[in-house]
Amino acid sequence: MTQQIALQPDRRRARALSAAAWIALTLPISFGQAPTPPPLPAPAGPPQVADPSITPPTFDVVSVKPNKSASGGTRIMNTPDGYSTTNIPLSFIISNAYGIREDLISGLPGWADSAHYDITAKVAAADVPTLPKLTRDQRSGMLKPLLADRFKLQAHVETKTLPVYELVVAKGGPKLHQAVPGDTYTNGPKVNGNPPRAGMMMMMPGKITGMAIPLDNLINILSRQLQRTILDKTGLHGNYDITLQWTPDQGEAASFPGGPDGRTLPADPSAPSIFTALEEQLGLKLNSTKGPVQTLVIDHIDPPTED
């Protein structure tokens, strides 16, 4: 799955790109069947667990080129034989590699915070069958050696006590719709003229639509939207069809000049705040507290040599 959105050189638009790109790289495409005992949606099975017998391969062929086109077109995706970006900020590539939001990365020099790159990375043919067996974290972690080799990146993780949100079930109970195994979503919103499929999310100004997704995918997007770590305290582990609509602030709305089919899709000014929308539409609530949060400190990074 790929996501293409316009990008402008400010932090708010970069955050929008981060959210959209995270969708493209982390959402599972397959859909596992799950029982549905009332009244709460049932678990869809355990989260992805790395197979200790499988070692993620390293990229065999890597091309890194600065993108100085100033184009709004962007793309980032896991490919069948590796990884590919077009016009993606280096800060987000680092964020993806370490699984840490961009606002939690410190020590980046100015050029690294604004530079965009086209990257094509492929594993050897013998390693291609291994890629589908890797977890999302393992696929993302394959970028660390690439960054160390081509950008001479050195970094370390520091844990800090920071404001966080806890996502809990609201007083009236969850209002989540259990996904139906095998649903093709023919009546769902169109993406380039095609209906979405299970395991897919879309973002527009003030709106998130997800088909057969676990809550952690929604949490990832909300965390980037609010720029705060969100801890899942709901106890819900099913796959859900989700629509969440709220009134975005002015900067967020400007980050999305068009919808997935290229049409202008203005936000609904009558929609509630994102906090009220979560409770009213999904039966979930965000409680503010403090907790340990992992941050990434950049110790060293160099511009890559063009190839």
C-alpha atoms as a PDB file:
ATOM      1  CA  MET A   1       0.000   0.000   0.000  1.00  0.00           C
ATOM      2  CA  THR A   2       1.262   3.470  -0.838  1.00  0.00           C
ATOM      3  CA  GLN A   3       0.118   6.908   0.182  1.00  0.00           C
ATOM      4  CA  GLN A   4       0.743  10.067  -1.841  1.00  0.00           C
ATOM      5  CA  ILE A   5       0.093  13.500  -0.351  1.00  0.00           C
ATOM      6  CA  ALA A   6       1.319  17.025  -0.934  1.00  0.00           C
ATOM      7  CA  LEU A   7       4.153  18.206   1.279  1.00  0.00           C
ATOM      8  CA  GLN A   8       5.134  21.747   2.234  1.00  0.00           C
ATOM      9  CA  PRO A   9       8.249  22.750   4.196  1.00  0.00           C
ATOM     10  CA  ASP A  10       6.750  23.323   7.635  1.00  0.00           C
ATOM     11  CA  ARG A  11       6.431  21.201  10.748  1.00  0.00           C
ATOM     12  CA  ARG A  12       2.671  20.777  10.580  1.00  0.00           C
ATOM     13  CA  ARG A  13       2.796  19.425   7.042  1.00  0.00           C
ATOM     14  CA  ALA A  14       5.711  17.189   7.930  1.00  0.00           C
ATOM     15  CA  ARG A  15       3.612  15.748  10.742  1.00  0.00           C
ATOM     16  CA  ALA A  16       0.817  15.024   8.252  1.00  0.00           C
ATOM     17  CA  LEU A  17       3.302  13.222   6.027  1.00  0.00           C
ATOM     18  CA  SER A  18       4.550  11.236   9.001  1.00  0.00           C
ATOM     19  CA  ALA A  19       1.059  10.036   9.803  1.00  0.00           C
ATOM     20  CA  ALA A  20       0.252   9.097   6.215  1.00  0.00           C
ATOM     21  CA  ALA A  21       3.585   7.409   5.639  1.00  0.00           C
ATOM     22  CA  TRP A  22       3.252   5.477   8.882  1.00  0.00           C
ATOM     23  CA  ILE A  23      -0.033   4.102   7.553  1.00  0.00           C
ATOM     24  CA  ALA A  24       1.685   2.895   4.412  1.00  0.00           C
ATOM     25  CA  LEU A  25       4.472   1.122   6.273  1.00  0.00           C
ATOM     26  CA  THR A  26       2.768  -0.365   9.316  1.00  0.00           C
ATOM     27  CA  LEU A  27      -0.758  -1.422   8.459  1.00  0.00           C
ATOM     28  CA  PRO A  28      -1.183  -5.170   7.916  1.00  0.00           C
ATOM     29  CA  ILE A  29      -2.700  -6.143   4.578  1.00  0.00           C
ATOM     30  CA  SER A  30      -3.970  -9.549   5.657  1.00  0.00           C
ATOM     31  CA  PHE A  31      -7.108  -9.929   7.761  1.00  0.00           C
ATOM     32  CA  GLY A  32      -7.380 -12.608  10.405  1.00  0.00           C
ATOM     33  CA  GLN A  33     -10.762 -14.016  11.362  1.00  0.00           C
ATOM     34  CA  ALA A  34     -11.920 -13.419  14.945  1.00  0.00           C
ATOM     35  CA  PRO A  35     -14.938 -14.608  17.030  1.00  0.00           C
ATOM     36  CA  THR A  36     -17.400 -11.930  18.151  1.00  0.00           C
ATOM     37  CA  PRO A  37     -19.004 -12.690  21.555  1.00  0.00           C
ATOM     38  CA  PRO A  38     -21.153  -9.806  22.869  1.00  0.00           C
ATOM     39  CA  PRO A  39     -21.082  -7.210  24.270  1.00  0.00           C
ATOM     40  CA  LEU A  40     -17.437  -6.282  23.524  1.00  0.00           C
ATOM     41  CA  PRO A  41     -15.483  -7.007  20.340  1.00  0.00           C
ATOM     42  CA  ALA A  42     -13.370 -10.124  20.790  1.00  0.00           C
ATOM     43  CA  PRO A  43      -9.588 -10.362  20.497  1.00  0.00           C
ATOM     44  CA  ALA A  44      -8.284 -10.994  16.998  1.00  0.00           C
ATOM     45  CA  GLY A  45      -5.282 -12.942  18.218  1.00  0.00           C
ATOM     46  CA  PRO A  46      -1.868 -12.034  19.649  1.00  0.00           C
ATOM     47  CA  PRO A  47       0.183  -9.120  18.244  1.00  0.00           C
ATOM     48  CA  GLN A  48       3.001  -9.776  15.853  1.00  0.00           C
ATOM     49  CA  VAL A  49       5.848 -11.651  17.532  1.00  0.00           C
ATOM     50  CA  ALA A  50       9.234 -11.993  15.899  1.00  0.00           C
ATOM     51  CA  ASP A  51      10.293 -15.542  15.037  1.00  0.00           C
ATOM     52  CA  PRO A  52      13.685 -16.004  16.766  1.00  0.00           C
ATOM     53  CA  SER A  53      14.743 -18.433  14.054  1.00  0.00           C
ATOM     54  CA  ILE A  54      14.462 -15.744  11.363  1.00  0.00           C
ATOM     55  CA  THR A  55      17.186 -13.127  11.024  1.00  0.00           C
ATOM     56  CA  PRO A  56      16.201 -10.007   9.045  1.00  0.00           C
ATOM     57  CA  PRO A  57      18.412  -9.726   5.961  1.00  0.00           C
ATOM     58  CA  THR A  58      20.457  -6.656   5.108  1.00  0.00           C
ATOM     59  CA  PHE A  59      19.903  -4.688   1.942  1.00  0.00           C
ATOM     60  CA  ASP A  60      22.109  -5.897  -0.900  1.00  0.00           C
ATOM     61  CA  VAL A  61      21.685  -2.924  -3.250  1.00  0.00           C
ATOM     62  CA  VAL A  62      20.987   0.618  -2.031  1.00  0.00           C
ATOM     63  CA  SER A  63      20.517   3.867  -3.946  1.00  0.00           C
ATOM     64  CA  VAL A  64      20.266   7.170  -2.046  1.00  0.00           C
ATOM     65  CA  LYS A  65      19.623  10.398  -3.943  1.00  0.00           C
ATOM     66  CA  PRO A  66      18.722  13.841  -2.564  1.00  0.00           C
ATOM     67  CA  ASN A  67      15.380  15.071  -3.883  1.00  0.00           C
ATOM     68  CA  LYS A  68      15.588  18.797  -4.620  1.00  0.00           C
ATOM     69  CA  SER A  69      12.556  18.992  -6.851  1.00  0.00           C
ATOM     70  CA  ALA A  70      10.397  20.948  -4.352  1.00  0.00           C
ATOM     71  CA  SER A  71       7.566  18.759  -5.618  1.00  0.00           C
ATOM     72  CA  GLY A  72       4.593  18.036  -3.397  1.00  0.00           C
ATOM     73  CA  GLY A  73       4.433  14.417  -4.557  1.00  0.00           C
ATOM     74  CA  THR A  74       5.683  11.910  -1.983  1.00  0.00           C
ATOM     75  CA  ARG A  75       5.678   8.135  -1.626  1.00  0.00           C
ATOM     76  CA  ILE A  76       7.012   5.640   0.886  1.00  0.00           C
ATOM     77  CA  MET A  77       6.457   1.894   0.858  1.00  0.00           C
ATOM     78  CA  ASN A  78       7.730  -1.547   1.714  1.00  0.00           C
ATOM     79  CA  THR A  79       8.241  -3.327  -1.611  1.00  0.00           C
ATOM     80  CA  PRO A  80       8.251  -7.104  -2.245  1.00  0.00           C
ATOM     81  CA  ASP A  81      12.058  -7.029  -2.370  1.00  0.00           C
ATOM     82  CA  GLY A  82      12.847  -4.127  -0.045  1.00  0.00           C
ATOM     83  CA  TYR A  83      12.019  -0.493   0.617  1.00  0.00           C
ATOM     84  CA  SER A  84      11.388   2.622  -1.462  1.00  0.00           C
ATOM     85  CA  THR A  85      10.888   6.352  -0.841  1.00  0.00           C
ATOM     86  CA  THR A  86      10.280   9.345  -3.068  1.00  0.00           C
ATOM     87  CA  ASN A  87      10.797  12.854  -1.699  1.00  0.00           C
ATOM     88  CA  ILE A  88      10.673  11.765   1.972  1.00  0.00           C
ATOM     89  CA  PRO A  89      12.285  13.811   4.797  1.00  0.00           C
ATOM     90  CA  LEU A  90      15.304  12.130   6.352  1.00  0.00           C
ATOM     91  CA  SER A  91      13.853  12.828   9.800  1.00  0.00           C
ATOM     92  CA  PHE A  92      10.889  10.586   9.003  1.00  0.00           C
ATOM     93  CA  ILE A  93      13.084   7.811   7.618  1.00  0.00           C
ATOM     94  CA  ILE A  94      14.983   7.843  10.920  1.00  0.00           C
ATOM     95  CA  SER A  95      11.669   7.911  12.789  1.00  0.00           C
ATOM     96  CA  ASN A  96      10.491   4.857  10.879  1.00  0.00           C
ATOM     97  CA  ALA A  97      13.750   2.962  11.432  1.00  0.00           C
ATOM     98  CA  TYR A  98      13.657   3.416  15.207  1.00  0.00           C
ATOM     99  CA  GLY A  99       9.880   3.426  15.714  1.00  0.00           C
ATOM    100  CA  ILE A 100       9.997   6.846  17.398  1.00  0.00           C
ATOM    101  CA  ARG A 101       7.971   9.922  16.480  1.00  0.00           C
ATOM    102  CA  GLU A 102       9.858  12.765  14.857  1.00  0.00           C
ATOM    103  CA  ASP A 103       9.089  15.160  17.708  1.00  0.00           C
ATOM    104  CA  LEU A 104      10.929  12.749  20.053  1.00  0.00           C
ATOM    105  CA  ILE A 105      14.160  12.912  18.011  1.00  0.00           C
ATOM    106  CA  SER A 106      16.768  15.421  19.130  1.00  0.00           C
ATOM    107  CA  GLY A 107      20.224  16.377  17.865  1.00  0.00           C
ATOM    108  CA  LEU A 108      19.481  16.468  14.138  1.00  0.00           C
ATOM    109  CA  PRO A 109      21.445  19.184  12.311  1.00  0.00           C
ATOM    110  CA  GLY A 110      19.462  21.646  10.234  1.00  0.00           C
ATOM    111  CA  TRP A 111      20.200  19.993   6.887  1.00  0.00           C
ATOM    112  CA  ALA A 112      19.030  16.575   8.144  1.00  0.00           C
ATOM    113  CA  ASP A 113      15.783  18.004   9.475  1.00  0.00           C
ATOM    114  CA  SER A 114      14.831  19.473   6.098  1.00  0.00           C
ATOM    115  CA  ALA A 115      16.534  17.242   3.500  1.00  0.00           C
ATOM    116  CA  HIS A 116      14.357  14.925   1.386  1.00  0.00           C
ATOM    117  CA  TYR A 117      15.581  11.717  -0.257  1.00  0.00           C
ATOM    118  CA  ASP A 118      14.699   9.146  -2.886  1.00  0.00           C
ATOM    119  CA  ILE A 119      15.821   5.751  -1.621  1.00  0.00           C
ATOM    120  CA  THR A 120      15.627   2.369  -3.303  1.00  0.00           C
ATOM    121  CA  ALA A 121      16.871  -0.556  -1.216  1.00  0.00           C
ATOM    122  CA  LYS A 122      16.661  -4.201  -2.287  1.00  0.00           C
ATOM    123  CA  VAL A 123      17.653  -7.459  -0.632  1.00  0.00           C
ATOM    124  CA  ALA A 124      19.373 -10.262  -2.530  1.00  0.00           C
ATOM    125  CA  ALA A 125      17.072 -12.553  -4.498  1.00  0.00           C
ATOM    126  CA  ALA A 126      17.676 -15.394  -2.031  1.00  0.00           C
ATOM    127  CA  ASP A 127      16.360 -13.199   0.831  1.00  0.00           C
ATOM    128  CA  VAL A 128      13.114 -12.086  -0.826  1.00  0.00           C
ATOM    129  CA  PRO A 129      11.061 -15.038   0.591  1.00  0.00           C
ATOM    130  CA  THR A 130      12.140 -13.989   4.110  1.00  0.00           C
ATOM    131  CA  LEU A 131      10.596 -10.504   3.984  1.00  0.00           C
ATOM    132  CA  PRO A 132       6.904 -11.567   4.343  1.00  0.00           C
ATOM    133  CA  LYS A 133       7.867 -13.538   7.470  1.00  0.00           C
ATOM    134  CA  LEU A 134       9.198 -10.469   9.289  1.00  0.00           C
ATOM    135  CA  THR A 135       7.200  -8.332  11.705  1.00  0.00           C
ATOM    136  CA  ARG A 136       6.609  -4.664  10.949  1.00  0.00           C
ATOM    137  CA  ASP A 137       9.242  -3.722  13.533  1.00  0.00           C
ATOM    138  CA  GLN A 138      11.764  -6.044  11.895  1.00  0.00           C
ATOM    139  CA  ARG A 139      11.089  -4.562   8.453  1.00  0.00           C
ATOM    140  CA  SER A 140      11.523  -1.043   9.824  1.00  0.00           C
ATOM    141  CA  GLY A 141      14.643  -2.064  11.742  1.00  0.00           C
ATOM    142  CA  MET A 142      16.333  -3.053   8.484  1.00  0.00           C
ATOM    143  CA  LEU A 143      16.747   0.675   7.859  1.00  0.00           C
ATOM    144  CA  LYS A 144      19.156   1.096  10.778  1.00  0.00           C
ATOM    145  CA  PRO A 145      22.166  -0.518   9.032  1.00  0.00           C
ATOM    146  CA  LEU A 146      21.304   1.443   5.879  1.00  0.00           C
ATOM    147  CA  LEU A 147      21.344   4.729   7.813  1.00  0.00           C
ATOM    148  CA  ALA A 148      24.550   3.784   9.604  1.00  0.00           C
ATOM    149  CA  ASP A 149      26.276   2.894   6.326  1.00  0.00           C
ATOM    150  CA  ARG A 150      25.081   5.679   4.036  1.00  0.00           C
ATOM    151  CA  PHE A 151      24.574   8.525   6.548  1.00  0.00           C
ATOM    152  CA  LYS A 152      27.085   7.414   9.207  1.00  0.00           C
ATOM    153  CA  LEU A 153      24.224   7.680  11.695  1.00  0.00           C
ATOM    154  CA  GLN A 154      25.032   7.092  15.349  1.00  0.00           C
ATOM    155  CA  ALA A 155      22.258   7.438  17.920  1.00  0.00           C
ATOM    156  CA  HIS A 156      21.164   6.265  21.334  1.00  0.00           C
ATOM    157  CA  VAL A 157      17.842   5.929  23.142  1.00  0.00           C
ATOM    158  CA  GLU A 158      17.046   7.892  26.287  1.00  0.00           C
ATOM    159  CA  THR A 159      13.964   7.347  28.450  1.00  0.00           C
ATOM    160  CA  LYS A 160      12.342  10.504  29.820  1.00  0.00           C
ATOM    161  CA  THR A 161       9.270  11.186  31.935  1.00  0.00           C
ATOM    162  CA  LEU A 162       6.930  13.158  29.667  1.00  0.00           C
ATOM    163  CA  PRO A 163       3.213  13.942  29.336  1.00  0.00           C
ATOM    164  CA  VAL A 164       1.321  10.994  27.830  1.00  0.00           C
ATOM    165  CA  TYR A 165      -2.277  10.021  27.196  1.00  0.00           C
ATOM    166  CA  GLU A 166      -3.932   6.829  28.345  1.00  0.00           C
ATOM    167  CA  LEU A 167      -6.633   5.576  25.972  1.00  0.00           C
ATOM    168  CA  VAL A 168      -9.456   4.008  27.987  1.00  0.00           C
ATOM    169  CA  VAL A 169     -13.016   2.851  27.355  1.00  0.00           C
ATOM    170  CA  ALA A 170     -15.447   5.701  28.084  1.00  0.00           C
ATOM    171  CA  LYS A 171     -18.214   5.419  30.671  1.00  0.00           C
ATOM    172  CA  GLY A 172     -20.871   4.353  28.169  1.00  0.00           C
ATOM    173  CA  GLY A 173     -18.718   1.513  26.782  1.00  0.00           C
ATOM    174  CA  PRO A 174     -17.027   1.125  23.390  1.00  0.00           C
ATOM    175  CA  LYS A 175     -18.853   2.073  20.209  1.00  0.00           C
ATOM    176  CA  LEU A 176     -16.582   0.157  17.876  1.00  0.00           C
ATOM    177  CA  HIS A 177     -17.878  -1.852  14.928  1.00  0.00           C
ATOM    178  CA  GLN A 178     -16.424  -5.356  14.755  1.00  0.00           C
ATOM    179  CA  ALA A 179     -14.928  -5.982  11.323  1.00  0.00           C
ATOM    180  CA  VAL A 180     -16.497  -8.721   9.229  1.00  0.00           C
ATOM    181  CA  PRO A 181     -13.998 -11.299   7.888  1.00  0.00           C
ATOM    182  CA  GLY A 182     -13.863 -11.231   4.108  1.00  0.00           C
ATOM    183  CA  ASP A 183     -15.622  -7.876   3.749  1.00  0.00           C
ATOM    184  CA  THR A 184     -14.552  -6.182   0.492  1.00  0.00           C
ATOM    185  CA  TYR A 185     -15.788  -2.678   1.460  1.00  0.00           C
ATOM    186  CA  THR A 186     -17.285  -2.019  -1.951  1.00  0.00           C
ATOM    187  CA  ASN A 187     -19.282   0.919  -0.525  1.00  0.00           C
ATOM    188  CA  GLY A 188     -16.328   2.465   1.270  1.00  0.00           C
ATOM    189  CA  PRO A 189     -14.524   5.688   0.318  1.00  0.00           C
ATOM    190  CA  LYS A 190     -12.683   5.469  -2.986  1.00  0.00           C
ATOM    191  CA  VAL A 191      -8.893   5.490  -3.316  1.00  0.00           C
ATOM    192  CA  ASN A 192      -7.837   6.470  -6.851  1.00  0.00           C
ATOM    193  CA  GLY A 193     -11.248   5.275  -7.957  1.00  0.00           C
ATOM    194  CA  ASN A 194     -10.952   1.898  -6.211  1.00  0.00           C
ATOM    195  CA  PRO A 195     -12.729   0.831  -3.000  1.00  0.00           C
ATOM    196  CA  PRO A 196     -10.505   0.263   0.043  1.00  0.00           C
ATOM    197  CA  ARG A 197      -9.714  -3.179   1.401  1.00  0.00           C
ATOM    198  CA  ALA A 198      -9.377  -4.766   4.821  1.00  0.00           C
ATOM    199  CA  GLY A 199      -6.348  -3.543   6.751  1.00  0.00           C
ATOM    200  CA  MET A 200      -6.362  -0.073   5.158  1.00  0.00           C
ATOM    201  CA  MET A 201      -6.560   3.409   6.691  1.00  0.00           C
ATOM    202  CA  MET A 202      -7.084   6.805   5.077  1.00  0.00           C
ATOM    203  CA  MET A 203      -6.602  10.301   6.454  1.00  0.00           C
ATOM    204  CA  MET A 204      -8.244  13.538   5.369  1.00  0.00           C
ATOM    205  CA  PRO A 205      -8.537  16.870   7.189  1.00  0.00           C
ATOM    206  CA  GLY A 206     -10.208  16.007  10.474  1.00  0.00           C
ATOM    207  CA  LYS A 207     -11.121  12.462   9.460  1.00  0.00           C
ATOM    208  CA  ILE A 208      -9.701   8.961   9.816  1.00  0.00           C
ATOM    209  CA  THR A 209     -11.305   5.953   8.151  1.00  0.00           C
ATOM    210  CA  GLY A 210     -10.073   2.439   8.856  1.00  0.00           C
ATOM    211  CA  MET A 211     -11.226  -0.933   7.550  1.00  0.00           C
ATOM    212  CA  ALA A 212     -10.581  -4.044   9.667  1.00  0.00           C
ATOM    213  CA  ILE A 213      -7.783  -2.471  11.704  1.00  0.00           C
ATOM    214  CA  PRO A 214      -6.549  -3.134  15.246  1.00  0.00           C
ATOM    215  CA  LEU A 215      -6.644  -0.253  17.714  1.00  0.00           C
ATOM    216  CA  ASP A 216      -2.863   0.120  17.757  1.00  0.00           C
ATOM    217  CA  ASN A 217      -2.993   1.441  14.170  1.00  0.00           C
ATOM    218  CA  LEU A 218      -5.464   4.138  15.201  1.00  0.00           C
ATOM    219  CA  ILE A 219      -3.318   4.920  18.246  1.00  0.00           C
ATOM    220  CA  ASN A 220      -0.226   5.364  16.058  1.00  0.00           C
ATOM    221  CA  ILE A 221      -2.022   7.995  13.987  1.00  0.00           C
ATOM    222  CA  LEU A 222      -3.546   9.787  16.982  1.00  0.00           C
ATOM    223  CA  SER A 223      -0.164   9.848  18.710  1.00  0.00           C
ATOM    224  CA  ARG A 224       1.380  11.653  15.750  1.00  0.00           C
ATOM    225  CA  GLN A 225      -1.634  13.909  15.371  1.00  0.00           C
ATOM    226  CA  LEU A 226      -1.443  15.006  19.010  1.00  0.00           C
ATOM    227  CA  GLN A 227       2.353  14.677  19.257  1.00  0.00           C
ATOM    228  CA  ARG A 228       2.079  12.747  22.482  1.00  0.00           C
ATOM    229  CA  THR A 229       2.611   9.087  23.338  1.00  0.00           C
ATOM    230  CA  ILE A 230      -0.685   7.203  23.821  1.00  0.00           C
ATOM    231  CA  LEU A 231      -0.823   4.100  26.010  1.00  0.00           C
ATOM    232  CA  ASP A 232      -3.544   1.570  25.209  1.00  0.00           C
ATOM    233  CA  LYS A 233      -5.500   0.822  28.383  1.00  0.00           C
ATOM    234  CA  THR A 234      -8.707  -0.299  26.663  1.00  0.00           C
ATOM    235  CA  GLY A 235      -8.127  -4.057  26.799  1.00  0.00           C
ATOM    236  CA  LEU A 236      -9.593  -4.285  23.265  1.00  0.00           C
ATOM    237  CA  HIS A 237      -7.667  -6.329  20.706  1.00  0.00           C
ATOM    238  CA  GLY A 238     -10.086  -6.911  17.840  1.00  0.00           C
ATOM    239  CA  ASN A 239     -10.133  -5.712  14.234  1.00  0.00           C
ATOM    240  CA  TYR A 240     -12.557  -2.829  13.744  1.00  0.00           C
ATOM    241  CA  ASP A 241     -14.144  -0.660  11.071  1.00  0.00           C
ATOM    242  CA  ILE A 242     -13.521   2.880  12.311  1.00  0.00           C
ATOM    243  CA  THR A 243     -14.619   6.329  11.225  1.00  0.00           C
ATOM    244  CA  LEU A 244     -13.492   9.263  13.348  1.00  0.00           C
ATOM    245  CA  GLN A 245     -14.330  12.838  12.363  1.00  0.00           C
ATOM    246  CA  TRP A 246     -13.359  16.012  14.231  1.00  0.00           C
ATOM    247  CA  THR A 247     -12.616  19.685  13.632  1.00  0.00           C
ATOM    248  CA  PRO A 248      -8.906  20.049  12.838  1.00  0.00           C
ATOM    249  CA  ASP A 249      -6.972  23.192  13.635  1.00  0.00           C
ATOM    250  CA  GLN A 250      -6.037  25.476  10.760  1.00  0.00           C
ATOM    251  CA  GLY A 251      -2.533  24.106  10.319  1.00  0.00           C
ATOM    252  CA  GLU A 252      -3.705  20.513  10.187  1.00  0.00           C
ATOM    253  CA  ALA A 253      -6.360  21.252   7.560  1.00  0.00           C
ATOM    254  CA  ALA A 254      -3.755  22.998   5.419  1.00  0.00           C
ATOM    255  CA  SER A 255      -1.622  19.861   5.517  1.00  0.00           C
ATOM    256  CA  PHE A 256      -4.101  17.989   3.326  1.00  0.00           C
ATOM    257  CA  PRO A 257      -4.795  19.978   0.148  1.00  0.00           C
ATOM    258  CA  GLY A 258      -6.652  17.096  -1.474  1.00  0.00           C
ATOM    259  CA  GLY A 259      -8.223  13.746  -0.821  1.00  0.00           C
ATOM    260  CA  PRO A 260      -7.026  10.308  -1.924  1.00  0.00           C
ATOM    261  CA  ASP A 261      -8.526  10.779  -5.381  1.00  0.00           C
ATOM    262  CA  GLY A 262      -7.092  14.266  -5.811  1.00  0.00           C
ATOM    263  CA  ARG A 263     -10.291  16.216  -5.074  1.00  0.00           C
ATOM    264  CA  THR A 264     -10.314  18.984  -2.473  1.00  0.00           C
ATOM    265  CA  LEU A 265     -11.855  17.651   0.728  1.00  0.00           C
ATOM    266  CA  PRO A 266     -12.410  20.463   3.245  1.00  0.00           C
ATOM    267  CA  ALA A 267     -12.812  19.592   6.907  1.00  0.00           C
ATOM    268  CA  ASP A 268     -16.271  19.695   8.484  1.00  0.00           C
ATOM    269  CA  PRO A 269     -16.288  22.836  10.689  1.00  0.00           C
ATOM    270  CA  SER A 270     -19.290  21.531  12.657  1.00  0.00           C
ATOM    271  CA  ALA A 271     -17.468  18.418  13.871  1.00  0.00           C
ATOM    272  CA  PRO A 272     -16.368  18.245  17.540  1.00  0.00           C
ATOM    273  CA  SER A 273     -12.839  18.344  18.931  1.00  0.00           C
ATOM    274  CA  ILE A 274     -10.772  15.199  18.516  1.00  0.00           C
ATOM    275  CA  PHE A 275     -11.215  14.405  22.230  1.00  0.00           C
ATOM    276  CA  THR A 276     -15.001  14.759  22.110  1.00  0.00           C
ATOM    277  CA  ALA A 277     -15.163  12.851  18.813  1.00  0.00           C
ATOM    278  CA  LEU A 278     -13.303   9.881  20.300  1.00  0.00           C
ATOM    279  CA  GLU A 279     -15.801   9.617  23.147  1.00  0.00           C
ATOM    280  CA  GLU A 280     -18.968  10.300  21.162  1.00  0.00           C
ATOM    281  CA  GLN A 281     -18.124   8.301  18.036  1.00  0.00           C
ATOM    282  CA  LEU A 282     -15.928   5.440  19.300  1.00  0.00           C
ATOM    283  CA  GLY A 283     -16.700   5.276  23.030  1.00  0.00           C
ATOM    284  CA  LEU A 284     -13.042   5.903  23.903  1.00  0.00           C
ATOM    285  CA  LYS A 285     -11.415   8.550  26.077  1.00  0.00           C
ATOM    286  CA  LEU A 286      -7.959  10.099  26.412  1.00  0.00           C
ATOM    287  CA  ASN A 287      -6.768  10.761  29.968  1.00  0.00           C
ATOM    288  CA  SER A 288      -3.729  12.994  30.418  1.00  0.00           C
ATOM    289  CA  THR A 289      -0.956  11.766  32.716  1.00  0.00           C
ATOM    290  CA  LYS A 290       2.826  11.357  32.760  1.00  0.00           C
ATOM    291  CA  GLY A 291       4.917   8.308  32.007  1.00  0.00           C
ATOM    292  CA  PRO A 292       8.211   6.985  30.657  1.00  0.00           C
ATOM    293  CA  VAL A 293       8.754   7.772  26.978  1.00  0.00           C
ATOM    294  CA  GLN A 294      11.630   6.625  24.801  1.00  0.00           C
ATOM    295  CA  THR A 295      13.383   9.395  22.873  1.00  0.00           C
ATOM    296  CA  LEU A 296      16.145   9.191  20.286  1.00  0.00           C
ATOM    297  CA  VAL A 297      19.291  11.313  20.542  1.00  0.00           C
ATOM    298  CA  ILE A 298      21.359  11.735  17.376  1.00  0.00           C
ATOM    299  CA  ASP A 299      25.061  11.590  18.186  1.00  0.00           C
ATOM    300  CA  HIS A 300      26.406  11.882  14.631  1.00  0.00           C
ATOM    301  CA  ILE A 301      25.107  12.043  11.064  1.00  0.00           C
ATOM    302  CA  ASP A 302      26.670  12.998   7.717  1.00  0.00           C
ATOM    303  CA  PRO A 303      25.181  13.832   4.322  1.00  0.00           C
ATOM    304  CA  PRO A 304      25.292  10.771   2.073  1.00  0.00           C
ATOM    305  CA  THR A 305      27.510  10.412  -0.947  1.00  0.00           C
ATOM    306  CA  GLU A 306      25.354  10.561  -4.079  1.00  0.00           C
ATOM    307  CA  ASP A 307      25.183   7.451  -6.251  1.00  0.00           C
END
